[in-house]
Amino acid sequence: MTVVVADSSPLNYLTLIGSIEVLRRLYGSIIVPRQVIAELTDLAAPSEVREWALDPPRWVDVRVALASDSSLLHLDPGERAALVLAQSESDALLLIDDAAGRLEASRRGIAHTGTLGVLRAASVKNLVDLPTALSRLLKTNFRVPPELVSEMIAEDAERRRT
């Protein structure tokens, strides 16, 4: 069974767009490093994200990760902890948006996806309306090339036609 470990970015953006529940519906449960919870509860985080992280639902397993791998020092503490936890599992999926973190996951053979991948998977299972979710996401500070958004919407429309 695949174990899902989440970094802060997907949790942040899925909360902001009102789609955090898709994680439970897609994966059943997720593991979140305590370092990620610390990032999400920082005073600079949006209030709805802080509220969610201060009292995460029961399907969130908050764990301590000892991220002592010096080759990960270029990443922030949450990303390091998420990578370490994902690497400690034999079959893990890492939810991470940061390009450097995704590259490191690839180097280590850790399967990964980000906020867009979660939304695509949720759309395939009819858990979200992808164009609406992407529209909400674009109203945040999430950075994505407009061409990718257009491609995802076109792909979703084609999938729904067939």
N, C-alpha and C. Protein backbone atom coordinates (compact mmCIF):
# COMPACT_ATOMS: atom_id res chain seq x y z
N MET A 1 0.84 -1.18 0.00
CA MET A 1 0.00 0.00 0.00
C MET A 1 0.88 1.25 0.00
N THR A 2 0.54 2.18 -0.85
CA THR A 2 1.31 3.41 -0.95
C THR A 2 1.06 4.30 0.25
N VAL A 3 2.14 4.79 0.82
CA VAL A 3 2.09 5.73 1.93
C VAL A 3 2.28 7.12 1.34
N VAL A 4 1.42 8.05 1.71
CA VAL A 4 1.49 9.41 1.17
C VAL A 4 2.04 10.34 2.23
N VAL A 5 3.10 11.06 1.87
CA VAL A 5 3.75 12.03 2.75
C VAL A 5 3.60 13.40 2.11
N ALA A 6 3.19 14.40 2.87
CA ALA A 6 2.92 15.72 2.31
C ALA A 6 3.86 16.79 2.85
N ASP A 7 4.33 17.61 1.93
CA ASP A 7 5.05 18.84 2.27
C ASP A 7 4.00 19.94 2.44
N SER A 8 4.43 21.11 2.83
CA SER A 8 3.48 22.18 3.16
C SER A 8 2.73 22.77 1.97
N SER A 9 3.38 22.94 0.83
CA SER A 9 2.75 23.64 -0.28
C SER A 9 1.43 23.02 -0.74
N PRO A 10 1.37 21.72 -1.04
CA PRO A 10 0.07 21.17 -1.44
C PRO A 10 -1.00 21.32 -0.35
N LEU A 11 -0.61 21.16 0.90
CA LEU A 11 -1.58 21.33 1.99
C LEU A 11 -2.07 22.77 2.05
N ASN A 12 -1.16 23.71 1.91
CA ASN A 12 -1.50 25.12 1.92
C ASN A 12 -2.49 25.45 0.81
N TYR A 13 -2.15 25.10 -0.42
CA TYR A 13 -2.99 25.50 -1.55
C TYR A 13 -4.31 24.74 -1.59
N LEU A 14 -4.30 23.47 -1.25
CA LEU A 14 -5.57 22.73 -1.23
C LEU A 14 -6.51 23.27 -0.16
N THR A 15 -5.95 23.72 0.95
CA THR A 15 -6.77 24.35 1.98
C THR A 15 -7.32 25.67 1.47
N LEU A 16 -6.47 26.49 0.85
CA LEU A 16 -6.90 27.80 0.37
C LEU A 16 -8.02 27.72 -0.66
N ILE A 17 -8.02 26.67 -1.48
CA ILE A 17 -9.05 26.57 -2.52
C ILE A 17 -10.23 25.70 -2.09
N GLY A 18 -10.23 25.28 -0.82
CA GLY A 18 -11.36 24.50 -0.31
C GLY A 18 -11.40 23.06 -0.77
N SER A 19 -10.23 22.50 -1.13
CA SER A 19 -10.18 21.13 -1.65
C SER A 19 -9.30 20.19 -0.83
N ILE A 20 -9.01 20.54 0.41
CA ILE A 20 -8.12 19.71 1.23
C ILE A 20 -8.68 18.31 1.45
N GLU A 21 -9.98 18.18 1.47
CA GLU A 21 -10.63 16.88 1.72
C GLU A 21 -10.34 15.86 0.60
N VAL A 22 -9.93 16.33 -0.58
CA VAL A 22 -9.64 15.37 -1.65
C VAL A 22 -8.48 14.46 -1.27
N LEU A 23 -7.60 14.93 -0.40
CA LEU A 23 -6.49 14.08 0.02
C LEU A 23 -7.01 12.84 0.74
N ARG A 24 -7.96 13.01 1.62
CA ARG A 24 -8.55 11.86 2.32
C ARG A 24 -9.26 10.95 1.33
N ARG A 25 -9.98 11.56 0.41
CA ARG A 25 -10.76 10.77 -0.54
C ARG A 25 -9.89 10.04 -1.55
N LEU A 26 -8.76 10.62 -1.89
CA LEU A 26 -7.84 9.96 -2.82
C LEU A 26 -6.96 8.92 -2.13
N TYR A 27 -6.44 9.26 -0.95
CA TYR A 27 -5.40 8.44 -0.33
C TYR A 27 -5.78 7.80 1.00
N GLY A 28 -6.91 8.15 1.57
CA GLY A 28 -7.31 7.60 2.86
C GLY A 28 -6.68 8.34 4.02
N SER A 29 -5.37 8.35 4.06
CA SER A 29 -4.66 9.09 5.10
C SER A 29 -3.34 9.59 4.52
N ILE A 30 -2.77 10.56 5.20
CA ILE A 30 -1.47 11.09 4.79
C ILE A 30 -0.60 11.28 6.03
N ILE A 31 0.70 11.28 5.79
CA ILE A 31 1.67 11.56 6.84
C ILE A 31 2.18 12.98 6.62
N VAL A 32 2.21 13.76 7.68
CA VAL A 32 2.70 15.13 7.61
C VAL A 32 3.78 15.30 8.69
N PRO A 33 4.99 15.67 8.27
CA PRO A 33 6.04 15.90 9.28
C PRO A 33 5.68 17.07 10.20
N ARG A 34 6.09 16.96 11.45
CA ARG A 34 5.85 18.05 12.41
C ARG A 34 6.44 19.36 11.90
N GLN A 35 7.56 19.28 11.19
CA GLN A 35 8.17 20.49 10.63
C GLN A 35 7.24 21.19 9.63
N VAL A 36 6.47 20.41 8.89
CA VAL A 36 5.50 20.98 7.95
C VAL A 36 4.37 21.65 8.71
N ILE A 37 3.91 21.00 9.78
CA ILE A 37 2.87 21.61 10.62
C ILE A 37 3.37 22.95 11.17
N ALA A 38 4.64 22.99 11.57
CA ALA A 38 5.22 24.25 12.08
C ALA A 38 5.18 25.34 11.01
N GLU A 39 5.48 24.98 9.76
CA GLU A 39 5.43 25.97 8.68
C GLU A 39 3.99 26.45 8.44
N LEU A 40 3.04 25.53 8.50
CA LEU A 40 1.65 25.87 8.23
C LEU A 40 1.00 26.67 9.36
N THR A 41 1.58 26.60 10.55
CA THR A 41 1.03 27.34 11.69
C THR A 41 1.80 28.63 11.97
N ASP A 42 2.79 28.92 11.15
CA ASP A 42 3.54 30.16 11.29
C ASP A 42 2.59 31.35 11.14
N LEU A 43 2.86 32.42 11.84
CA LEU A 43 2.00 33.60 11.77
C LEU A 43 1.89 34.20 10.37
N ALA A 44 2.86 33.91 9.51
CA ALA A 44 2.81 34.42 8.14
C ALA A 44 1.88 33.59 7.25
N ALA A 45 1.48 32.42 7.71
CA ALA A 45 0.58 31.57 6.92
C ALA A 45 -0.84 32.15 6.93
N PRO A 46 -1.59 31.91 5.86
CA PRO A 46 -2.99 32.37 5.84
C PRO A 46 -3.77 31.79 7.02
N SER A 47 -4.71 32.55 7.54
CA SER A 47 -5.43 32.13 8.75
C SER A 47 -6.15 30.80 8.58
N GLU A 48 -6.76 30.54 7.42
CA GLU A 48 -7.47 29.26 7.24
C GLU A 48 -6.50 28.09 7.21
N VAL A 49 -5.29 28.32 6.73
CA VAL A 49 -4.27 27.27 6.72
C VAL A 49 -3.79 27.01 8.15
N ARG A 50 -3.54 28.10 8.90
CA ARG A 50 -3.13 27.94 10.31
C ARG A 50 -4.17 27.17 11.09
N GLU A 51 -5.44 27.54 10.92
CA GLU A 51 -6.53 26.85 11.64
C GLU A 51 -6.56 25.37 11.32
N TRP A 52 -6.42 25.03 10.03
CA TRP A 52 -6.42 23.62 9.63
C TRP A 52 -5.25 22.88 10.29
N ALA A 53 -4.07 23.49 10.25
CA ALA A 53 -2.86 22.83 10.77
C ALA A 53 -2.84 22.75 12.29
N LEU A 54 -3.47 23.69 12.96
CA LEU A 54 -3.52 23.63 14.43
C LEU A 54 -4.38 22.49 14.93
N ASP A 55 -5.34 22.05 14.12
CA ASP A 55 -6.23 20.96 14.49
C ASP A 55 -6.47 20.07 13.27
N PRO A 56 -5.42 19.36 12.82
CA PRO A 56 -5.57 18.56 11.61
C PRO A 56 -6.59 17.44 11.81
N PRO A 57 -7.26 17.03 10.74
CA PRO A 57 -8.24 15.95 10.85
C PRO A 57 -7.57 14.62 11.21
N ARG A 58 -8.38 13.66 11.62
CA ARG A 58 -7.85 12.36 12.07
C ARG A 58 -7.13 11.59 10.96
N TRP A 59 -7.40 11.88 9.70
CA TRP A 59 -6.74 11.16 8.61
C TRP A 59 -5.33 11.70 8.34
N VAL A 60 -4.90 12.67 9.14
CA VAL A 60 -3.54 13.21 9.05
C VAL A 60 -2.72 12.66 10.21
N ASP A 61 -1.65 11.96 9.88
CA ASP A 61 -0.74 11.39 10.86
C ASP A 61 0.49 12.30 10.95
N VAL A 62 0.57 13.08 12.01
CA VAL A 62 1.69 14.00 12.19
C VAL A 62 2.84 13.23 12.84
N ARG A 63 3.99 13.25 12.17
CA ARG A 63 5.16 12.51 12.66
C ARG A 63 6.38 13.42 12.75
N VAL A 64 7.27 13.04 13.63
CA VAL A 64 8.55 13.73 13.75
C VAL A 64 9.52 13.06 12.78
N ALA A 65 10.24 13.86 12.03
CA ALA A 65 11.25 13.33 11.11
C ALA A 65 12.59 13.92 11.50
N LEU A 66 13.54 13.06 11.70
CA LEU A 66 14.88 13.51 12.01
C LEU A 66 15.62 13.72 10.69
N ALA A 67 15.55 14.93 10.18
CA ALA A 67 16.13 15.26 8.88
C ALA A 67 17.57 15.68 9.04
N SER A 68 18.44 14.71 9.26
CA SER A 68 19.85 15.01 9.49
C SER A 68 20.70 14.79 8.24
N ASP A 69 20.09 14.56 7.11
CA ASP A 69 20.79 14.34 5.85
C ASP A 69 21.38 15.67 5.36
N SER A 70 22.69 15.81 5.45
CA SER A 70 23.33 17.09 5.10
C SER A 70 23.21 17.41 3.61
N SER A 71 22.91 16.44 2.78
CA SER A 71 22.75 16.72 1.35
C SER A 71 21.43 17.43 1.04
N LEU A 72 20.59 17.58 2.07
CA LEU A 72 19.29 18.24 1.88
C LEU A 72 19.25 19.65 2.45
N LEU A 73 20.39 20.19 2.86
CA LEU A 73 20.41 21.50 3.51
C LEU A 73 19.96 22.64 2.60
N HIS A 74 19.94 22.42 1.29
CA HIS A 74 19.47 23.45 0.36
C HIS A 74 17.94 23.56 0.35
N LEU A 75 17.27 22.64 1.03
CA LEU A 75 15.81 22.65 1.12
C LEU A 75 15.37 23.22 2.46
N ASP A 76 14.12 23.67 2.53
CA ASP A 76 13.64 24.17 3.82
C ASP A 76 13.35 23.00 4.75
N PRO A 77 13.19 23.25 6.05
CA PRO A 77 13.02 22.16 7.02
C PRO A 77 11.84 21.23 6.71
N GLY A 78 10.73 21.77 6.25
CA GLY A 78 9.58 20.93 5.93
C GLY A 78 9.84 20.00 4.76
N GLU A 79 10.48 20.53 3.73
CA GLU A 79 10.82 19.71 2.56
C GLU A 79 11.81 18.61 2.94
N ARG A 80 12.80 18.97 3.74
CA ARG A 80 13.78 17.97 4.19
C ARG A 80 13.08 16.86 4.95
N ALA A 81 12.22 17.25 5.89
CA ALA A 81 11.53 16.25 6.72
C ALA A 81 10.62 15.37 5.87
N ALA A 82 9.90 15.97 4.92
CA ALA A 82 9.00 15.19 4.07
C ALA A 82 9.80 14.20 3.22
N LEU A 83 10.92 14.64 2.68
CA LEU A 83 11.76 13.73 1.89
C LEU A 83 12.29 12.58 2.74
N VAL A 84 12.76 12.90 3.94
CA VAL A 84 13.30 11.86 4.83
C VAL A 84 12.21 10.85 5.20
N LEU A 85 11.01 11.34 5.53
CA LEU A 85 9.92 10.41 5.86
C LEU A 85 9.53 9.57 4.66
N ALA A 86 9.42 10.19 3.48
CA ALA A 86 9.06 9.44 2.28
C ALA A 86 10.11 8.38 1.97
N GLN A 87 11.36 8.75 2.14
CA GLN A 87 12.44 7.80 1.84
C GLN A 87 12.45 6.63 2.84
N SER A 88 11.92 6.84 4.02
CA SER A 88 11.92 5.77 5.03
C SER A 88 10.83 4.74 4.77
N GLU A 89 9.93 5.02 3.84
CA GLU A 89 8.85 4.10 3.51
C GLU A 89 9.21 3.33 2.24
N SER A 90 8.79 2.06 2.16
CA SER A 90 9.15 1.26 0.99
C SER A 90 8.35 1.67 -0.25
N ASP A 91 7.14 2.16 -0.07
CA ASP A 91 6.30 2.55 -1.21
C ASP A 91 5.62 3.86 -0.86
N ALA A 92 6.30 4.96 -1.16
CA ALA A 92 5.78 6.27 -0.76
C ALA A 92 5.48 7.13 -1.97
N LEU A 93 4.50 8.01 -1.79
CA LEU A 93 4.20 9.07 -2.74
C LEU A 93 4.39 10.36 -1.97
N LEU A 94 5.25 11.23 -2.47
CA LEU A 94 5.54 12.50 -1.83
C LEU A 94 4.76 13.61 -2.52
N LEU A 95 3.99 14.37 -1.76
CA LEU A 95 3.26 15.52 -2.28
C LEU A 95 4.13 16.75 -2.04
N ILE A 96 4.65 17.33 -3.12
CA ILE A 96 5.59 18.44 -3.00
C ILE A 96 5.53 19.27 -4.28
N ASP A 97 5.58 20.59 -4.12
CA ASP A 97 5.56 21.48 -5.28
C ASP A 97 6.92 22.06 -5.61
N ASP A 98 7.76 22.27 -4.63
CA ASP A 98 9.05 22.93 -4.81
C ASP A 98 9.91 22.18 -5.83
N ALA A 99 10.42 22.91 -6.83
CA ALA A 99 11.20 22.28 -7.90
C ALA A 99 12.45 21.57 -7.36
N ALA A 100 13.17 22.21 -6.44
CA ALA A 100 14.38 21.58 -5.90
C ALA A 100 14.03 20.32 -5.11
N GLY A 101 12.93 20.36 -4.39
CA GLY A 101 12.48 19.19 -3.64
C GLY A 101 12.05 18.06 -4.55
N ARG A 102 11.37 18.40 -5.64
CA ARG A 102 10.93 17.39 -6.61
C ARG A 102 12.15 16.75 -7.29
N LEU A 103 13.13 17.57 -7.61
CA LEU A 103 14.34 17.05 -8.23
C LEU A 103 15.06 16.08 -7.29
N GLU A 104 15.14 16.45 -6.02
CA GLU A 104 15.78 15.58 -5.03
C GLU A 104 14.99 14.28 -4.86
N ALA A 105 13.66 14.37 -4.87
CA ALA A 105 12.84 13.16 -4.79
C ALA A 105 13.13 12.25 -5.98
N SER A 106 13.22 12.82 -7.17
CA SER A 106 13.53 12.03 -8.37
C SER A 106 14.89 11.36 -8.24
N ARG A 107 15.87 12.10 -7.77
CA ARG A 107 17.22 11.55 -7.58
C ARG A 107 17.20 10.35 -6.64
N ARG A 108 16.32 10.40 -5.67
CA ARG A 108 16.26 9.34 -4.66
C ARG A 108 15.25 8.24 -5.01
N GLY A 109 14.62 8.35 -6.16
CA GLY A 109 13.67 7.33 -6.59
C GLY A 109 12.35 7.37 -5.84
N ILE A 110 11.99 8.54 -5.32
CA ILE A 110 10.74 8.69 -4.58
C ILE A 110 9.67 9.22 -5.53
N ALA A 111 8.58 8.48 -5.66
CA ALA A 111 7.47 8.94 -6.49
C ALA A 111 6.92 10.23 -5.89
N HIS A 112 6.55 11.18 -6.76
CA HIS A 112 6.06 12.46 -6.24
C HIS A 112 5.06 13.08 -7.20
N THR A 113 4.25 13.93 -6.65
CA THR A 113 3.32 14.75 -7.40
C THR A 113 3.12 16.02 -6.61
N GLY A 114 2.49 16.99 -7.22
CA GLY A 114 2.27 18.26 -6.54
C GLY A 114 0.79 18.60 -6.50
N THR A 115 0.52 19.84 -6.19
CA THR A 115 -0.86 20.31 -6.09
C THR A 115 -1.62 20.05 -7.39
N LEU A 116 -1.00 20.35 -8.52
CA LEU A 116 -1.68 20.14 -9.81
C LEU A 116 -1.96 18.66 -10.06
N GLY A 117 -1.03 17.81 -9.71
CA GLY A 117 -1.24 16.37 -9.87
C GLY A 117 -2.36 15.85 -9.00
N VAL A 118 -2.44 16.37 -7.78
CA VAL A 118 -3.53 15.98 -6.88
C VAL A 118 -4.86 16.42 -7.46
N LEU A 119 -4.91 17.65 -7.96
CA LEU A 119 -6.16 18.14 -8.54
C LEU A 119 -6.56 17.35 -9.78
N ARG A 120 -5.58 17.00 -10.61
CA ARG A 120 -5.87 16.17 -11.79
C ARG A 120 -6.42 14.81 -11.36
N ALA A 121 -5.78 14.17 -10.40
CA ALA A 121 -6.24 12.86 -9.92
C ALA A 121 -7.64 12.97 -9.32
N ALA A 122 -7.89 14.04 -8.58
CA ALA A 122 -9.22 14.24 -7.98
C ALA A 122 -10.27 14.47 -9.06
N SER A 123 -9.91 15.15 -10.13
CA SER A 123 -10.84 15.37 -11.23
C SER A 123 -11.18 14.07 -11.94
N VAL A 124 -10.17 13.23 -12.15
CA VAL A 124 -10.40 11.94 -12.81
C VAL A 124 -11.40 11.11 -12.01
N LYS A 125 -11.36 11.23 -10.69
CA LYS A 125 -12.30 10.49 -9.83
C LYS A 125 -13.56 11.29 -9.53
N ASN A 126 -13.75 12.40 -10.26
CA ASN A 126 -14.93 13.25 -10.09
C ASN A 126 -15.09 13.80 -8.67
N LEU A 127 -13.96 14.11 -8.04
CA LEU A 127 -13.98 14.68 -6.69
C LEU A 127 -13.94 16.20 -6.72
N VAL A 128 -13.47 16.77 -7.83
CA VAL A 128 -13.44 18.22 -8.01
C VAL A 128 -13.77 18.54 -9.46
N ASP A 129 -14.25 19.74 -9.66
CA ASP A 129 -14.38 20.28 -11.01
C ASP A 129 -13.05 20.97 -11.29
N LEU A 130 -12.27 20.41 -12.21
CA LEU A 130 -10.90 20.90 -12.42
C LEU A 130 -10.84 22.36 -12.85
N PRO A 131 -11.64 22.81 -13.81
CA PRO A 131 -11.55 24.23 -14.17
C PRO A 131 -11.84 25.17 -13.00
N THR A 132 -12.80 24.81 -12.16
CA THR A 132 -13.12 25.63 -11.00
C THR A 132 -11.96 25.62 -9.99
N ALA A 133 -11.42 24.44 -9.73
CA ALA A 133 -10.31 24.33 -8.78
C ALA A 133 -9.10 25.11 -9.28
N LEU A 134 -8.80 25.01 -10.57
CA LEU A 134 -7.66 25.75 -11.12
C LEU A 134 -7.90 27.25 -11.08
N SER A 135 -9.13 27.67 -11.33
CA SER A 135 -9.46 29.09 -11.24
C SER A 135 -9.23 29.61 -9.83
N ARG A 136 -9.64 28.83 -8.83
CA ARG A 136 -9.41 29.23 -7.44
C ARG A 136 -7.91 29.27 -7.13
N LEU A 137 -7.19 28.27 -7.64
CA LEU A 137 -5.75 28.20 -7.39
C LEU A 137 -5.03 29.41 -7.97
N LEU A 138 -5.45 29.84 -9.15
CA LEU A 138 -4.81 30.99 -9.79
C LEU A 138 -5.07 32.30 -9.06
N LYS A 139 -6.06 32.32 -8.16
CA LYS A 139 -6.34 33.51 -7.36
C LYS A 139 -5.44 33.59 -6.13
N THR A 140 -4.67 32.53 -5.89
CA THR A 140 -3.69 32.54 -4.78
C THR A 140 -2.34 32.97 -5.37
N ASN A 141 -1.29 32.80 -4.61
CA ASN A 141 0.05 33.12 -5.12
C ASN A 141 0.75 31.91 -5.74
N PHE A 142 -0.01 30.87 -6.05
CA PHE A 142 0.54 29.67 -6.71
C PHE A 142 1.06 30.07 -8.09
N ARG A 143 2.26 29.63 -8.41
CA ARG A 143 2.85 29.97 -9.70
C ARG A 143 2.80 28.75 -10.62
N VAL A 144 2.22 28.99 -11.81
CA VAL A 144 2.12 27.93 -12.81
C VAL A 144 2.05 28.60 -14.18
N PRO A 145 2.72 28.03 -15.16
CA PRO A 145 2.62 28.60 -16.51
C PRO A 145 1.18 28.53 -17.03
N PRO A 146 0.67 29.61 -17.59
CA PRO A 146 -0.70 29.61 -18.11
C PRO A 146 -0.95 28.50 -19.13
N GLU A 147 0.09 28.16 -19.92
CA GLU A 147 -0.07 27.10 -20.92
C GLU A 147 -0.38 25.76 -20.26
N LEU A 148 0.22 25.50 -19.11
CA LEU A 148 -0.03 24.25 -18.41
C LEU A 148 -1.47 24.19 -17.92
N VAL A 149 -1.98 25.29 -17.41
CA VAL A 149 -3.37 25.35 -16.96
C VAL A 149 -4.30 25.08 -18.14
N SER A 150 -4.02 25.72 -19.27
CA SER A 150 -4.84 25.51 -20.47
C SER A 150 -4.80 24.06 -20.92
N GLU A 151 -3.62 23.46 -20.91
CA GLU A 151 -3.48 22.05 -21.29
C GLU A 151 -4.27 21.14 -20.35
N MET A 152 -4.20 21.42 -19.06
CA MET A 152 -4.92 20.59 -18.09
C MET A 152 -6.43 20.70 -18.30
N ILE A 153 -6.92 21.89 -18.56
CA ILE A 153 -8.36 22.09 -18.77
C ILE A 153 -8.79 21.39 -20.06
N ALA A 154 -7.99 21.50 -21.10
CA ALA A 154 -8.32 20.84 -22.37
C ALA A 154 -8.32 19.32 -22.21
N GLU A 155 -7.32 18.80 -21.51
CA GLU A 155 -7.23 17.36 -21.26
C GLU A 155 -8.45 16.89 -20.45
N ASP A 156 -8.83 17.67 -19.45
CA ASP A 156 -9.98 17.33 -18.62
C ASP A 156 -11.27 17.33 -19.46
N ALA A 157 -11.42 18.33 -20.31
CA ALA A 157 -12.62 18.41 -21.16
C ALA A 157 -12.67 17.22 -22.12
N GLU A 158 -11.52 16.85 -22.69
CA GLU A 158 -11.47 15.70 -23.60
C GLU A 158 -11.81 14.41 -22.86
N ARG A 159 -11.29 14.25 -21.67
CA ARG A 159 -11.56 13.05 -20.88
C ARG A 159 -13.06 12.95 -20.58
N ARG A 160 -13.68 14.05 -20.31
CA ARG A 160 -15.11 14.05 -19.97
C ARG A 160 -15.96 13.76 -21.21
N ARG A 161 -15.48 14.11 -22.40
CA ARG A 161 -16.23 13.85 -23.64
C ARG A 161 -16.20 12.38 -24.00
N THR A 162 -15.13 11.67 -23.61
CA THR A 162 -15.00 10.27 -24.03
C THR A 162 -15.55 9.31 -23.02
